[in-house]
Amino acid sequence: MNFLTVLLRSIAFIPTIVQGVESVFGGKAGADKKEAALNFVTSAISITEAVTNKDIVNADQFRGGLGQIIDGTVQCLNASAWAKTK
């Protein structure tokens, strides 16, 4: 499967991953929750395999980009009715 397709499918699951991490690690610091979410996402898209296959040429930069997506997702969720239901 094309790496872009895998990446876009994975991004679609980030809100669910963020909610799951919040449920499991709700009392932890934001940085810990972000790291957990990053680990789930990178596992889901097999980042190690993508680096090996040269689909990702800079793993740190790629992971940083995923972190920004997670931060944006958290910001959107916190500004929505989702945050009010807690």
PDB file of N, CA and C in Angstrom:
ATOM      1  N   MET A   1       0.843  -1.173   0.000  1.00  0.00           N
ATOM      2  CA  MET A   1       0.000   0.000   0.000  1.00  0.00           C
ATOM      3  C   MET A   1       0.889   1.237   0.000  1.00  0.00           C
ATOM      4  N   ASN A   2       0.484   2.233  -0.697  1.00  0.00           N
ATOM      5  CA  ASN A   2       1.172   3.508  -0.787  1.00  0.00           C
ATOM      6  C   ASN A   2       1.311   4.128   0.599  1.00  0.00           C
ATOM      7  N   PHE A   3       2.512   4.642   0.921  1.00  0.00           N
ATOM      8  CA  PHE A   3       2.754   5.208   2.246  1.00  0.00           C
ATOM      9  C   PHE A   3       1.834   6.385   2.548  1.00  0.00           C
ATOM     10  N   LEU A   4       1.563   7.217   1.552  1.00  0.00           N
ATOM     11  CA  LEU A   4       0.679   8.360   1.775  1.00  0.00           C
ATOM     12  C   LEU A   4      -0.704   7.894   2.216  1.00  0.00           C
ATOM     13  N   THR A   5      -1.195   6.839   1.625  1.00  0.00           N
ATOM     14  CA  THR A   5      -2.492   6.280   2.011  1.00  0.00           C
ATOM     15  C   THR A   5      -2.467   5.816   3.461  1.00  0.00           C
ATOM     16  N   VAL A   6      -1.397   5.132   3.846  1.00  0.00           N
ATOM     17  CA  VAL A   6      -1.263   4.660   5.231  1.00  0.00           C
ATOM     18  C   VAL A   6      -1.196   5.848   6.187  1.00  0.00           C
ATOM     19  N   LEU A   7      -0.431   6.865   5.826  1.00  0.00           N
ATOM     20  CA  LEU A   7      -0.309   8.051   6.673  1.00  0.00           C
ATOM     21  C   LEU A   7      -1.660   8.738   6.853  1.00  0.00           C
ATOM     22  N   LEU A   8      -2.375   8.947   5.776  1.00  0.00           N
ATOM     23  CA  LEU A   8      -3.674   9.632   5.866  1.00  0.00           C
ATOM     24  C   LEU A   8      -4.684   8.826   6.663  1.00  0.00           C
ATOM     25  N   ARG A   9      -4.668   7.513   6.514  1.00  0.00           N
ATOM     26  CA  ARG A   9      -5.563   6.673   7.327  1.00  0.00           C
ATOM     27  C   ARG A   9      -5.197   6.781   8.802  1.00  0.00           C
ATOM     28  N   SER A  10      -3.900   6.815   9.095  1.00  0.00           N
ATOM     29  CA  SER A  10      -3.453   6.915  10.482  1.00  0.00           C
ATOM     30  C   SER A  10      -3.849   8.246  11.091  1.00  0.00           C
ATOM     31  N   ILE A  11      -3.716   9.326  10.325  1.00  0.00           N
ATOM     32  CA  ILE A  11      -4.095  10.648  10.816  1.00  0.00           C
ATOM     33  C   ILE A  11      -5.577  10.678  11.162  1.00  0.00           C
ATOM     34  N   ALA A  12      -6.370   9.949  10.420  1.00  0.00           N
ATOM     35  CA  ALA A  12      -7.808   9.905  10.687  1.00  0.00           C
ATOM     36  C   ALA A  12      -8.111   9.307  12.061  1.00  0.00           C
ATOM     37  N   PHE A  13      -7.206   8.476  12.579  1.00  0.00           N
ATOM     38  CA  PHE A  13      -7.428   7.842  13.876  1.00  0.00           C
ATOM     39  C   PHE A  13      -6.857   8.635  15.048  1.00  0.00           C
ATOM     40  N   ILE A  14      -6.169   9.736  14.773  1.00  0.00           N
ATOM     41  CA  ILE A  14      -5.540  10.497  15.856  1.00  0.00           C
ATOM     42  C   ILE A  14      -6.548  10.976  16.895  1.00  0.00           C
ATOM     43  N   PRO A  15      -7.721  11.518  16.524  1.00  0.00           N
ATOM     44  CA  PRO A  15      -8.671  11.914  17.585  1.00  0.00           C
ATOM     45  C   PRO A  15      -9.060  10.745  18.497  1.00  0.00           C
ATOM     46  N   THR A  16      -9.251   9.582  17.928  1.00  0.00           N
ATOM     47  CA  THR A  16      -9.591   8.404  18.738  1.00  0.00           C
ATOM     48  C   THR A  16      -8.434   8.025  19.645  1.00  0.00           C
ATOM     49  N   ILE A  17      -7.221   8.080  19.117  1.00  0.00           N
ATOM     50  CA  ILE A  17      -6.038   7.760  19.924  1.00  0.00           C
ATOM     51  C   ILE A  17      -5.903   8.768  21.062  1.00  0.00           C
ATOM     52  N   VAL A  18      -6.100  10.049  20.771  1.00  0.00           N
ATOM     53  CA  VAL A  18      -5.996  11.089  21.793  1.00  0.00           C
ATOM     54  C   VAL A  18      -7.037  10.852  22.890  1.00  0.00           C
ATOM     55  N   GLN A  19      -8.253  10.533  22.511  1.00  0.00           N
ATOM     56  CA  GLN A  19      -9.299  10.259  23.507  1.00  0.00           C
ATOM     57  C   GLN A  19      -8.940   9.047  24.351  1.00  0.00           C
ATOM     58  N   GLY A  20      -8.425   7.998  23.712  1.00  0.00           N
ATOM     59  CA  GLY A  20      -8.033   6.801  24.445  1.00  0.00           C
ATOM     60  C   GLY A  20      -6.906   7.069  25.425  1.00  0.00           C
ATOM     61  N   VAL A  21      -5.923   7.812  24.976  1.00  0.00           N
ATOM     62  CA  VAL A  21      -4.803   8.157  25.858  1.00  0.00           C
ATOM     63  C   VAL A  21      -5.304   9.000  27.023  1.00  0.00           C
ATOM     64  N   GLU A  22      -6.201   9.931  26.758  1.00  0.00           N
ATOM     65  CA  GLU A  22      -6.765  10.757  27.830  1.00  0.00           C
ATOM     66  C   GLU A  22      -7.507   9.896  28.844  1.00  0.00           C
ATOM     67  N   SER A  23      -8.222   8.898  28.364  1.00  0.00           N
ATOM     68  CA  SER A  23      -8.960   8.005  29.267  1.00  0.00           C
ATOM     69  C   SER A  23      -8.012   7.192  30.148  1.00  0.00           C
ATOM     70  N   VAL A  24      -6.934   6.713  29.558  1.00  0.00           N
ATOM     71  CA  VAL A  24      -6.005   5.849  30.287  1.00  0.00           C
ATOM     72  C   VAL A  24      -5.028   6.650  31.150  1.00  0.00           C
ATOM     73  N   PHE A  25      -4.529   7.764  30.621  1.00  0.00           N
ATOM     74  CA  PHE A  25      -3.493   8.533  31.290  1.00  0.00           C
ATOM     75  C   PHE A  25      -3.976   9.913  31.727  1.00  0.00           C
ATOM     76  N   GLY A  26      -5.256  10.071  31.981  1.00  0.00           N
ATOM     77  CA  GLY A  26      -5.845  11.374  32.274  1.00  0.00           C
ATOM     78  C   GLY A  26      -5.145  12.176  33.352  1.00  0.00           C
ATOM     79  N   GLY A  27      -4.608  11.522  34.370  1.00  0.00           N
ATOM     80  CA  GLY A  27      -3.966  12.228  35.471  1.00  0.00           C
ATOM     81  C   GLY A  27      -2.513  12.579  35.222  1.00  0.00           C
ATOM     82  N   LYS A  28      -1.955  12.103  34.137  1.00  0.00           N
ATOM     83  CA  LYS A  28      -0.532  12.359  33.838  1.00  0.00           C
ATOM     84  C   LYS A  28      -0.348  13.721  33.181  1.00  0.00           C
ATOM     85  N   ALA A  29       0.892  14.138  33.102  1.00  0.00           N
ATOM     86  CA  ALA A  29       1.225  15.413  32.459  1.00  0.00           C
ATOM     87  C   ALA A  29       0.948  15.356  30.964  1.00  0.00           C
ATOM     88  N   GLY A  30       0.693  16.513  30.377  1.00  0.00           N
ATOM     89  CA  GLY A  30       0.402  16.599  28.949  1.00  0.00           C
ATOM     90  C   GLY A  30       1.504  16.011  28.088  1.00  0.00           C
ATOM     91  N   ALA A  31       2.759  16.240  28.473  1.00  0.00           N
ATOM     92  CA  ALA A  31       3.895  15.710  27.696  1.00  0.00           C
ATOM     93  C   ALA A  31       3.901  14.180  27.705  1.00  0.00           C
ATOM     94  N   ASP A  32       3.535  13.590  28.840  1.00  0.00           N
ATOM     95  CA  ASP A  32       3.473  12.127  28.922  1.00  0.00           C
ATOM     96  C   ASP A  32       2.368  11.573  28.030  1.00  0.00           C
ATOM     97  N   LYS A  33       1.227  12.263  28.040  1.00  0.00           N
ATOM     98  CA  LYS A  33       0.113  11.822  27.197  1.00  0.00           C
ATOM     99  C   LYS A  33       0.451  11.982  25.721  1.00  0.00           C
ATOM    100  N   LYS A  34       1.135  13.071  25.378  1.00  0.00           N
ATOM    101  CA  LYS A  34       1.532  13.288  23.989  1.00  0.00           C
ATOM    102  C   LYS A  34       2.502  12.189  23.551  1.00  0.00           C
ATOM    103  N   GLU A  35       3.443  11.850  24.400  1.00  0.00           N
ATOM    104  CA  GLU A  35       4.411  10.799  24.076  1.00  0.00           C
ATOM    105  C   GLU A  35       3.703   9.455  23.872  1.00  0.00           C
ATOM    106  N   ALA A  36       2.723   9.169  24.718  1.00  0.00           N
ATOM    107  CA  ALA A  36       1.958   7.926  24.553  1.00  0.00           C
ATOM    108  C   ALA A  36       1.206   7.928  23.225  1.00  0.00           C
ATOM    109  N   ALA A  37       0.576   9.044  22.887  1.00  0.00           N
ATOM    110  CA  ALA A  37      -0.149   9.145  21.618  1.00  0.00           C
ATOM    111  C   ALA A  37       0.809   9.000  20.440  1.00  0.00           C
ATOM    112  N   LEU A  38       1.975   9.635  20.522  1.00  0.00           N
ATOM    113  CA  LEU A  38       2.980   9.512  19.457  1.00  0.00           C
ATOM    114  C   LEU A  38       3.419   8.059  19.291  1.00  0.00           C
ATOM    115  N   ASN A  39       3.606   7.366  20.402  1.00  0.00           N
ATOM    116  CA  ASN A  39       4.004   5.956  20.320  1.00  0.00           C
ATOM    117  C   ASN A  39       2.930   5.110  19.644  1.00  0.00           C
ATOM    118  N   PHE A  40       1.678   5.349  19.975  1.00  0.00           N
ATOM    119  CA  PHE A  40       0.587   4.611  19.332  1.00  0.00           C
ATOM    120  C   PHE A  40       0.543   4.888  17.833  1.00  0.00           C
ATOM    121  N   VAL A  41       0.649   6.152  17.457  1.00  0.00           N
ATOM    122  CA  VAL A  41       0.567   6.524  16.038  1.00  0.00           C
ATOM    123  C   VAL A  41       1.754   5.968  15.261  1.00  0.00           C
ATOM    124  N   THR A  42       2.956   6.121  15.812  1.00  0.00           N
ATOM    125  CA  THR A  42       4.129   5.617  15.082  1.00  0.00           C
ATOM    126  C   THR A  42       4.094   4.105  14.944  1.00  0.00           C
ATOM    127  N   SER A  43       3.531   3.431  15.925  1.00  0.00           N
ATOM    128  CA  SER A  43       3.358   1.978  15.794  1.00  0.00           C
ATOM    129  C   SER A  43       2.325   1.655  14.717  1.00  0.00           C
ATOM    130  N   ALA A  44       1.258   2.422  14.704  1.00  0.00           N
ATOM    131  CA  ALA A  44       0.185   2.163  13.734  1.00  0.00           C
ATOM    132  C   ALA A  44       0.651   2.318  12.298  1.00  0.00           C
ATOM    133  N   ILE A  45       1.537   3.270  12.046  1.00  0.00           N
ATOM    134  CA  ILE A  45       1.990   3.467  10.665  1.00  0.00           C
ATOM    135  C   ILE A  45       3.327   2.790  10.401  1.00  0.00           C
ATOM    136  N   SER A  46       3.802   2.006  11.356  1.00  0.00           N
ATOM    137  CA  SER A  46       5.056   1.267  11.200  1.00  0.00           C
ATOM    138  C   SER A  46       6.182   2.190  10.752  1.00  0.00           C
ATOM    139  N   ILE A  47       6.447   3.203  11.560  1.00  0.00           N
ATOM    140  CA  ILE A  47       7.444   4.205  11.197  1.00  0.00           C
ATOM    141  C   ILE A  47       8.825   3.577  10.990  1.00  0.00           C
ATOM    142  N   THR A  48       9.166   2.558  11.774  1.00  0.00           N
ATOM    143  CA  THR A  48      10.470   1.913  11.614  1.00  0.00           C
ATOM    144  C   THR A  48      10.600   1.296  10.236  1.00  0.00           C
ATOM    145  N   GLU A  49       9.552   0.625   9.800  1.00  0.00           N
ATOM    146  CA  GLU A  49       9.548   0.032   8.461  1.00  0.00           C
ATOM    147  C   GLU A  49       9.597   1.113   7.384  1.00  0.00           C
ATOM    148  N   ALA A  50       8.891   2.210   7.597  1.00  0.00           N
ATOM    149  CA  ALA A  50       8.885   3.299   6.622  1.00  0.00           C
ATOM    150  C   ALA A  50      10.263   3.930   6.487  1.00  0.00           C
ATOM    151  N   VAL A  51      10.993   4.036   7.597  1.00  0.00           N
ATOM    152  CA  VAL A  51      12.356   4.562   7.542  1.00  0.00           C
ATOM    153  C   VAL A  51      13.252   3.596   6.781  1.00  0.00           C
ATOM    154  N   THR A  52      13.116   2.303   7.071  1.00  0.00           N
ATOM    155  CA  THR A  52      13.910   1.286   6.388  1.00  0.00           C
ATOM    156  C   THR A  52      13.647   1.292   4.889  1.00  0.00           C
ATOM    157  N   ASN A  53      12.389   1.460   4.516  1.00  0.00           N
ATOM    158  CA  ASN A  53      12.019   1.471   3.093  1.00  0.00           C
ATOM    159  C   ASN A  53      12.272   2.826   2.431  1.00  0.00           C
ATOM    160  N   LYS A  54      12.809   3.766   3.181  1.00  0.00           N
ATOM    161  CA  LYS A  54      13.107   5.119   2.682  1.00  0.00           C
ATOM    162  C   LYS A  54      11.852   5.914   2.340  1.00  0.00           C
ATOM    163  N   ASP A  55      10.680   5.494   2.872  1.00  0.00           N
ATOM    164  CA  ASP A  55       9.475   6.308   2.732  1.00  0.00           C
ATOM    165  C   ASP A  55       9.588   7.538   3.627  1.00  0.00           C
ATOM    166  N   ILE A  56      10.304   7.393   4.738  1.00  0.00           N
ATOM    167  CA  ILE A  56      10.583   8.501   5.648  1.00  0.00           C
ATOM    168  C   ILE A  56      12.100   8.653   5.677  1.00  0.00           C
ATOM    169  N   VAL A  57      12.583   9.838   5.315  1.00  0.00           N
ATOM    170  CA  VAL A  57      14.034  10.041   5.273  1.00  0.00           C
ATOM    171  C   VAL A  57      14.555  10.763   6.516  1.00  0.00           C
ATOM    172  N   ASN A  58      13.667  11.385   7.302  1.00  0.00           N
ATOM    173  CA  ASN A  58      14.065  12.060   8.529  1.00  0.00           C
ATOM    174  C   ASN A  58      13.034  11.724   9.608  1.00  0.00           C
ATOM    175  N   ALA A  59      13.323  10.688  10.372  1.00  0.00           N
ATOM    176  CA  ALA A  59      12.365  10.185  11.363  1.00  0.00           C
ATOM    177  C   ALA A  59      12.049  11.226  12.437  1.00  0.00           C
ATOM    178  N   ASP A  60      13.048  11.984  12.877  1.00  0.00           N
ATOM    179  CA  ASP A  60      12.807  12.990  13.919  1.00  0.00           C
ATOM    180  C   ASP A  60      11.870  14.092  13.431  1.00  0.00           C
ATOM    181  N   GLN A  61      12.098  14.548  12.216  1.00  0.00           N
ATOM    182  CA  GLN A  61      11.241  15.582  11.648  1.00  0.00           C
ATOM    183  C   GLN A  61       9.825  15.039  11.437  1.00  0.00           C
ATOM    184  N   PHE A  62       9.716  13.801  10.988  1.00  0.00           N
ATOM    185  CA  PHE A  62       8.406  13.185  10.784  1.00  0.00           C
ATOM    186  C   PHE A  62       7.661  13.068  12.113  1.00  0.00           C
ATOM    187  N   ARG A  63       8.369  12.615  13.143  1.00  0.00           N
ATOM    188  CA  ARG A  63       7.757  12.468  14.468  1.00  0.00           C
ATOM    189  C   ARG A  63       7.339  13.845  15.006  1.00  0.00           C
ATOM    190  N   GLY A  64       8.148  14.868  14.734  1.00  0.00           N
ATOM    191  CA  GLY A  64       7.789  16.232  15.140  1.00  0.00           C
ATOM    192  C   GLY A  64       6.507  16.696  14.467  1.00  0.00           C
ATOM    193  N   GLY A  65       6.363  16.364  13.199  1.00  0.00           N
ATOM    194  CA  GLY A  65       5.136  16.703  12.480  1.00  0.00           C
ATOM    195  C   GLY A  65       3.927  15.999  13.058  1.00  0.00           C
ATOM    196  N   LEU A  66       4.096  14.724  13.406  1.00  0.00           N
ATOM    197  CA  LEU A  66       2.998  13.994  14.049  1.00  0.00           C
ATOM    198  C   LEU A  66       2.647  14.636  15.387  1.00  0.00           C
ATOM    199  N   GLY A  67       3.663  15.091  16.111  1.00  0.00           N
ATOM    200  CA  GLY A  67       3.418  15.772  17.387  1.00  0.00           C
ATOM    201  C   GLY A  67       2.589  17.035  17.202  1.00  0.00           C
ATOM    202  N   GLN A  68       2.852  17.765  16.124  1.00  0.00           N
ATOM    203  CA  GLN A  68       2.067  18.968  15.846  1.00  0.00           C
ATOM    204  C   GLN A  68       0.622  18.620  15.514  1.00  0.00           C
ATOM    205  N   ILE A  69       0.426  17.514  14.794  1.00  0.00           N
ATOM    206  CA  ILE A  69      -0.941  17.070  14.482  1.00  0.00           C
ATOM    207  C   ILE A  69      -1.673  16.700  15.772  1.00  0.00           C
ATOM    208  N   ILE A  70      -0.972  16.008  16.668  1.00  0.00           N
ATOM    209  CA  ILE A  70      -1.578  15.622  17.949  1.00  0.00           C
ATOM    210  C   ILE A  70      -1.906  16.869  18.766  1.00  0.00           C
ATOM    211  N   ASP A  71      -0.982  17.834  18.818  1.00  0.00           N
ATOM    212  CA  ASP A  71      -1.247  19.081  19.549  1.00  0.00           C
ATOM    213  C   ASP A  71      -2.475  19.800  18.991  1.00  0.00           C
ATOM    214  N   GLY A  72      -2.573  19.858  17.670  1.00  0.00           N
ATOM    215  CA  GLY A  72      -3.725  20.502  17.046  1.00  0.00           C
ATOM    216  C   GLY A  72      -5.017  19.777  17.337  1.00  0.00           C
ATOM    217  N   THR A  73      -4.953  18.452  17.337  1.00  0.00           N
ATOM    218  CA  THR A  73      -6.137  17.651  17.644  1.00  0.00           C
ATOM    219  C   THR A  73      -6.596  17.906  19.075  1.00  0.00           C
ATOM    220  N   VAL A  74      -5.650  17.941  20.004  1.00  0.00           N
ATOM    221  CA  VAL A  74      -5.982  18.212  21.405  1.00  0.00           C
ATOM    222  C   VAL A  74      -6.596  19.601  21.535  1.00  0.00           C
ATOM    223  N   GLN A  75      -6.018  20.569  20.845  1.00  0.00           N
ATOM    224  CA  GLN A  75      -6.550  21.937  20.899  1.00  0.00           C
ATOM    225  C   GLN A  75      -7.985  21.985  20.383  1.00  0.00           C
ATOM    226  N   CYS A  76      -8.251  21.302  19.273  1.00  0.00           N
ATOM    227  CA  CYS A  76      -9.613  21.261  18.712  1.00  0.00           C
ATOM    228  C   CYS A  76     -10.579  20.565  19.665  1.00  0.00           C
ATOM    229  N   LEU A  77     -10.150  19.428  20.221  1.00  0.00           N
ATOM    230  CA  LEU A  77     -11.026  18.697  21.136  1.00  0.00           C
ATOM    231  C   LEU A  77     -11.302  19.509  22.396  1.00  0.00           C
ATOM    232  N   ASN A  78     -10.278  20.183  22.924  1.00  0.00           N
ATOM    233  CA  ASN A  78     -10.477  20.992  24.132  1.00  0.00           C
ATOM    234  C   ASN A  78     -11.392  22.187  23.892  1.00  0.00           C
ATOM    235  N   ALA A  79     -11.476  22.642  22.655  1.00  0.00           N
ATOM    236  CA  ALA A  79     -12.343  23.775  22.311  1.00  0.00           C
ATOM    237  C   ALA A  79     -13.743  23.339  21.908  1.00  0.00           C
ATOM    238  N   SER A  80     -13.999  22.053  21.967  1.00  0.00           N
ATOM    239  CA  SER A  80     -15.279  21.520  21.486  1.00  0.00           C
ATOM    240  C   SER A  80     -16.147  21.040  22.647  1.00  0.00           C
ATOM    241  N   ALA A  81     -17.307  20.554  22.291  1.00  0.00           N
ATOM    242  CA  ALA A  81     -18.228  19.994  23.272  1.00  0.00           C
ATOM    243  C   ALA A  81     -17.636  18.764  23.934  1.00  0.00           C
ATOM    244  N   TRP A  82     -16.683  18.094  23.278  1.00  0.00           N
ATOM    245  CA  TRP A  82     -16.032  16.907  23.856  1.00  0.00           C
ATOM    246  C   TRP A  82     -15.438  17.232  25.212  1.00  0.00           C
ATOM    247  N   ALA A  83     -14.798  18.380  25.347  1.00  0.00           N
ATOM    248  CA  ALA A  83     -14.172  18.775  26.598  1.00  0.00           C
ATOM    249  C   ALA A  83     -15.206  19.068  27.670  1.00  0.00           C
ATOM    250  N   LYS A  84     -16.371  19.503  27.270  1.00  0.00           N
ATOM    251  CA  LYS A  84     -17.425  19.864  28.221  1.00  0.00           C
ATOM    252  C   LYS A  84     -18.086  18.631  28.843  1.00  0.00           C
ATOM    253  N   THR A  85     -17.934  17.460  28.214  1.00  0.00           N
ATOM    254  CA  THR A  85     -18.612  16.266  28.723  1.00  0.00           C
ATOM    255  C   THR A  85     -17.840  15.589  29.830  1.00  0.00           C
ATOM    256  N   LYS A  86     -16.647  16.048  30.131  1.00  0.00           N
ATOM    257  CA  LYS A  86     -15.844  15.416  31.194  1.00  0.00           C
ATOM    258  C   LYS A  86     -16.349  15.832  32.554  1.00  0.00           C
TER     259      LYS A  86
END
